[in-house]
């Protein structure tokens, strides 16, 4: 159990460092001068988004298969990368 917990914590922590979300939260905290309110809103949003991901990730493979989930996830990741590079 601890291995799963530490793996998921480590992956999420490293993935979120310096990304657009963290920079947006940094900007909001500076703009509104209410760091705890910004923290609470951002933390709740991250918990809800991650919860949706866990629920879908737990359900979807049994519906369409793990290989299909990986293929679709990879395709979406590539598509989003192309859209970012294209400035859209």
N, C-alpha and C. Protein backbone atom coordinates (compact mmCIF):
# COMPACT_ATOMS: atom_id res chain seq x y z
N UNK A 1 0.82 -1.19 0.00
CA UNK A 1 0.00 0.00 0.00
C UNK A 1 0.87 1.26 0.00
N UNK A 2 1.91 1.29 0.82
CA UNK A 2 2.77 2.48 0.89
C UNK A 2 3.50 2.71 -0.42
N UNK A 3 3.88 1.62 -1.10
CA UNK A 3 4.58 1.76 -2.38
C UNK A 3 3.68 2.45 -3.40
N UNK A 4 2.41 2.06 -3.46
CA UNK A 4 1.46 2.69 -4.39
C UNK A 4 1.27 4.16 -4.02
N UNK A 5 1.11 4.43 -2.73
CA UNK A 5 0.93 5.80 -2.26
C UNK A 5 2.12 6.67 -2.62
N UNK A 6 3.32 6.21 -2.30
CA UNK A 6 4.52 7.01 -2.56
C UNK A 6 4.78 7.17 -4.06
N UNK A 7 4.47 6.15 -4.83
CA UNK A 7 4.64 6.26 -6.29
C UNK A 7 3.69 7.30 -6.86
N UNK A 8 2.42 7.24 -6.50
CA UNK A 8 1.46 8.21 -7.02
C UNK A 8 1.77 9.62 -6.52
N UNK A 9 2.19 9.74 -5.26
CA UNK A 9 2.57 11.06 -4.73
C UNK A 9 3.76 11.62 -5.49
N UNK A 10 4.78 10.82 -5.67
CA UNK A 10 5.99 11.27 -6.35
C UNK A 10 5.74 11.68 -7.79
N UNK A 11 4.95 10.88 -8.50
CA UNK A 11 4.65 11.19 -9.89
C UNK A 11 3.87 12.50 -9.99
N UNK A 12 2.83 12.65 -9.17
CA UNK A 12 2.02 13.87 -9.21
C UNK A 12 2.83 15.09 -8.79
N UNK A 13 3.63 14.94 -7.74
CA UNK A 13 4.43 16.08 -7.26
C UNK A 13 5.40 16.55 -8.33
N UNK A 14 6.13 15.63 -8.92
CA UNK A 14 7.11 16.00 -9.94
C UNK A 14 6.43 16.52 -11.21
N UNK A 15 5.29 15.94 -11.58
CA UNK A 15 4.59 16.37 -12.79
C UNK A 15 4.04 17.78 -12.65
N UNK A 16 3.67 18.18 -11.44
CA UNK A 16 3.06 19.49 -11.23
C UNK A 16 4.07 20.61 -11.01
N UNK A 17 5.32 20.28 -10.73
CA UNK A 17 6.31 21.33 -10.49
C UNK A 17 6.54 22.14 -11.77
N UNK A 18 6.34 23.43 -11.67
CA UNK A 18 6.64 24.33 -12.78
C UNK A 18 5.71 24.25 -13.97
N UNK A 19 4.58 23.58 -13.83
CA UNK A 19 3.68 23.52 -14.98
C UNK A 19 2.75 24.74 -14.99
N UNK A 20 1.88 24.80 -15.99
CA UNK A 20 0.99 25.96 -16.14
C UNK A 20 0.10 26.15 -14.92
N UNK A 21 -0.34 25.07 -14.32
CA UNK A 21 -1.22 25.17 -13.16
C UNK A 21 -0.51 25.85 -12.00
N UNK A 22 0.71 25.43 -11.74
CA UNK A 22 1.45 26.03 -10.63
C UNK A 22 1.73 27.51 -10.89
N UNK A 23 2.06 27.85 -12.12
CA UNK A 23 2.31 29.25 -12.45
C UNK A 23 1.03 30.08 -12.35
N UNK A 24 -0.10 29.51 -12.71
CA UNK A 24 -1.38 30.23 -12.58
C UNK A 24 -1.71 30.46 -11.11
N UNK A 25 -1.49 29.47 -10.28
CA UNK A 25 -1.76 29.61 -8.84
C UNK A 25 -0.82 30.64 -8.23
N UNK A 26 0.43 30.64 -8.65
CA UNK A 26 1.39 31.63 -8.17
C UNK A 26 0.92 33.03 -8.52
N UNK A 27 0.43 33.19 -9.74
CA UNK A 27 -0.08 34.48 -10.19
C UNK A 27 -1.31 34.91 -9.39
N UNK A 28 -2.22 33.98 -9.16
CA UNK A 28 -3.43 34.30 -8.39
C UNK A 28 -3.10 34.70 -6.95
N UNK A 29 -2.17 33.98 -6.35
CA UNK A 29 -1.79 34.30 -4.97
C UNK A 29 -1.19 35.70 -4.88
N UNK A 30 -0.40 36.08 -5.85
CA UNK A 30 0.17 37.42 -5.87
C UNK A 30 -0.86 38.49 -6.19
N UNK A 31 -1.78 38.17 -7.06
CA UNK A 31 -2.80 39.14 -7.48
C UNK A 31 -3.80 39.45 -6.38
N UNK A 32 -4.29 38.42 -5.71
CA UNK A 32 -5.36 38.61 -4.73
C UNK A 32 -4.86 38.76 -3.30
N UNK A 33 -3.60 38.51 -3.06
CA UNK A 33 -3.01 38.65 -1.72
C UNK A 33 -3.80 37.87 -0.67
N UNK A 34 -4.29 36.72 -1.07
CA UNK A 34 -5.04 35.85 -0.17
C UNK A 34 -4.56 34.42 -0.38
N UNK A 35 -3.34 34.13 0.06
CA UNK A 35 -2.72 32.85 -0.29
C UNK A 35 -3.50 31.63 0.20
N UNK A 36 -4.11 31.70 1.37
CA UNK A 36 -4.83 30.53 1.89
C UNK A 36 -6.11 30.25 1.11
N UNK A 37 -6.77 31.31 0.65
CA UNK A 37 -7.96 31.12 -0.16
C UNK A 37 -7.59 30.53 -1.53
N UNK A 38 -6.51 31.03 -2.13
CA UNK A 38 -6.04 30.49 -3.40
C UNK A 38 -5.61 29.04 -3.21
N UNK A 39 -4.90 28.75 -2.12
CA UNK A 39 -4.47 27.38 -1.83
C UNK A 39 -5.68 26.46 -1.70
N UNK A 40 -6.70 26.90 -0.96
CA UNK A 40 -7.88 26.06 -0.76
C UNK A 40 -8.60 25.79 -2.08
N UNK A 41 -8.76 26.83 -2.90
CA UNK A 41 -9.42 26.64 -4.19
C UNK A 41 -8.62 25.73 -5.11
N UNK A 42 -7.31 25.94 -5.18
CA UNK A 42 -6.46 25.12 -6.05
C UNK A 42 -6.40 23.68 -5.55
N UNK A 43 -6.31 23.50 -4.23
CA UNK A 43 -6.25 22.15 -3.67
C UNK A 43 -7.55 21.39 -3.93
N UNK A 44 -8.68 22.06 -3.75
CA UNK A 44 -9.96 21.41 -4.01
C UNK A 44 -10.10 21.03 -5.49
N UNK A 45 -9.67 21.94 -6.37
CA UNK A 45 -9.74 21.65 -7.80
C UNK A 45 -8.85 20.44 -8.15
N UNK A 46 -7.66 20.37 -7.57
CA UNK A 46 -6.75 19.26 -7.85
C UNK A 46 -7.31 17.95 -7.32
N UNK A 47 -7.91 17.99 -6.13
CA UNK A 47 -8.50 16.78 -5.55
C UNK A 47 -9.66 16.29 -6.42
N UNK A 48 -10.52 17.21 -6.86
CA UNK A 48 -11.65 16.81 -7.70
C UNK A 48 -11.18 16.27 -9.05
N UNK A 49 -10.24 16.96 -9.69
CA UNK A 49 -9.74 16.51 -10.99
C UNK A 49 -9.07 15.14 -10.86
N UNK A 50 -8.28 14.96 -9.81
CA UNK A 50 -7.62 13.68 -9.60
C UNK A 50 -8.63 12.60 -9.27
N UNK A 51 -9.65 12.94 -8.48
CA UNK A 51 -10.70 11.97 -8.16
C UNK A 51 -11.44 11.50 -9.40
N UNK A 52 -11.73 12.43 -10.30
CA UNK A 52 -12.38 12.05 -11.56
C UNK A 52 -11.46 11.13 -12.35
N UNK A 53 -10.16 11.48 -12.39
CA UNK A 53 -9.20 10.64 -13.10
C UNK A 53 -9.11 9.24 -12.53
N UNK A 54 -9.12 9.14 -11.21
CA UNK A 54 -9.05 7.82 -10.56
C UNK A 54 -10.31 7.02 -10.85
N UNK A 55 -11.46 7.65 -10.75
CA UNK A 55 -12.72 6.94 -11.03
C UNK A 55 -12.79 6.46 -12.48
N UNK A 56 -12.45 7.34 -13.41
CA UNK A 56 -12.48 6.96 -14.82
C UNK A 56 -11.41 5.91 -15.10
N UNK A 57 -10.23 6.10 -14.52
CA UNK A 57 -9.14 5.14 -14.72
C UNK A 57 -9.43 3.77 -14.14
N UNK A 58 -10.26 3.73 -13.12
CA UNK A 58 -10.65 2.46 -12.52
C UNK A 58 -11.74 1.76 -13.33
N UNK A 59 -12.59 2.54 -13.98
CA UNK A 59 -13.75 2.01 -14.69
C UNK A 59 -13.47 1.74 -16.17
N UNK A 60 -12.77 2.66 -16.83
CA UNK A 60 -12.62 2.61 -18.28
C UNK A 60 -11.91 1.36 -18.80
N UNK A 61 -10.83 0.91 -18.19
CA UNK A 61 -10.17 -0.29 -18.74
C UNK A 61 -11.07 -1.52 -18.78
N UNK A 62 -11.95 -1.65 -17.81
CA UNK A 62 -12.86 -2.81 -17.83
C UNK A 62 -13.90 -2.68 -18.93
N UNK A 63 -14.14 -1.46 -19.38
CA UNK A 63 -15.14 -1.22 -20.43
C UNK A 63 -14.54 -1.39 -21.83
N UNK A 64 -13.36 -0.80 -22.07
CA UNK A 64 -12.79 -0.84 -23.42
C UNK A 64 -11.42 -1.53 -23.48
N UNK A 65 -10.88 -1.93 -22.36
CA UNK A 65 -9.59 -2.61 -22.35
C UNK A 65 -8.43 -1.66 -22.04
N UNK A 66 -7.45 -2.19 -21.34
CA UNK A 66 -6.31 -1.37 -20.93
C UNK A 66 -5.49 -0.88 -22.12
N UNK A 67 -5.32 -1.74 -23.12
CA UNK A 67 -4.54 -1.35 -24.30
C UNK A 67 -5.19 -0.16 -25.02
N UNK A 68 -6.51 -0.18 -25.13
CA UNK A 68 -7.23 0.92 -25.78
C UNK A 68 -7.11 2.21 -24.98
N UNK A 69 -7.18 2.09 -23.65
CA UNK A 69 -7.03 3.27 -22.79
C UNK A 69 -5.65 3.88 -23.00
N UNK A 70 -4.62 3.05 -23.05
CA UNK A 70 -3.26 3.56 -23.27
C UNK A 70 -3.14 4.22 -24.64
N UNK A 71 -3.71 3.62 -25.66
CA UNK A 71 -3.66 4.17 -27.01
C UNK A 71 -4.36 5.52 -27.08
N UNK A 72 -5.57 5.60 -26.54
CA UNK A 72 -6.32 6.86 -26.55
C UNK A 72 -5.62 7.92 -25.71
N UNK A 73 -5.13 7.55 -24.55
CA UNK A 73 -4.42 8.50 -23.69
C UNK A 73 -3.18 9.04 -24.39
N UNK A 74 -2.41 8.16 -24.98
CA UNK A 74 -1.22 8.59 -25.71
C UNK A 74 -1.56 9.50 -26.87
N UNK A 75 -2.61 9.15 -27.61
CA UNK A 75 -3.04 9.99 -28.73
C UNK A 75 -3.47 11.38 -28.28
N UNK A 76 -4.23 11.44 -27.19
CA UNK A 76 -4.65 12.74 -26.66
C UNK A 76 -3.46 13.57 -26.18
N UNK A 77 -2.50 12.92 -25.54
CA UNK A 77 -1.31 13.60 -25.07
C UNK A 77 -0.56 14.22 -26.26
N UNK A 78 -0.40 13.45 -27.33
CA UNK A 78 0.27 13.95 -28.53
C UNK A 78 -0.53 15.09 -29.15
N UNK A 79 -1.85 14.93 -29.24
CA UNK A 79 -2.70 15.97 -29.81
C UNK A 79 -2.59 17.27 -29.03
N UNK A 80 -2.65 17.20 -27.70
CA UNK A 80 -2.53 18.41 -26.88
C UNK A 80 -1.16 19.05 -27.06
N UNK A 81 -0.12 18.23 -27.19
CA UNK A 81 1.21 18.77 -27.43
C UNK A 81 1.29 19.52 -28.75
N UNK A 82 0.69 18.96 -29.78
CA UNK A 82 0.66 19.62 -31.09
C UNK A 82 -0.10 20.93 -31.02
N UNK A 83 -1.24 20.92 -30.32
CA UNK A 83 -2.04 22.15 -30.18
C UNK A 83 -1.27 23.22 -29.41
N UNK A 84 -0.54 22.83 -28.40
CA UNK A 84 0.26 23.81 -27.65
C UNK A 84 1.34 24.39 -28.55
N UNK A 85 2.03 23.51 -29.28
CA UNK A 85 3.09 23.99 -30.18
C UNK A 85 2.51 24.88 -31.29
N UNK A 86 1.29 24.60 -31.72
CA UNK A 86 0.66 25.40 -32.76
C UNK A 86 0.08 26.71 -32.22
N UNK A 87 0.11 26.86 -30.90
CA UNK A 87 -0.38 28.09 -30.29
C UNK A 87 -1.88 28.18 -30.19
N UNK A 88 -2.56 27.07 -30.13
CA UNK A 88 -4.03 27.07 -30.04
C UNK A 88 -4.50 26.69 -28.67
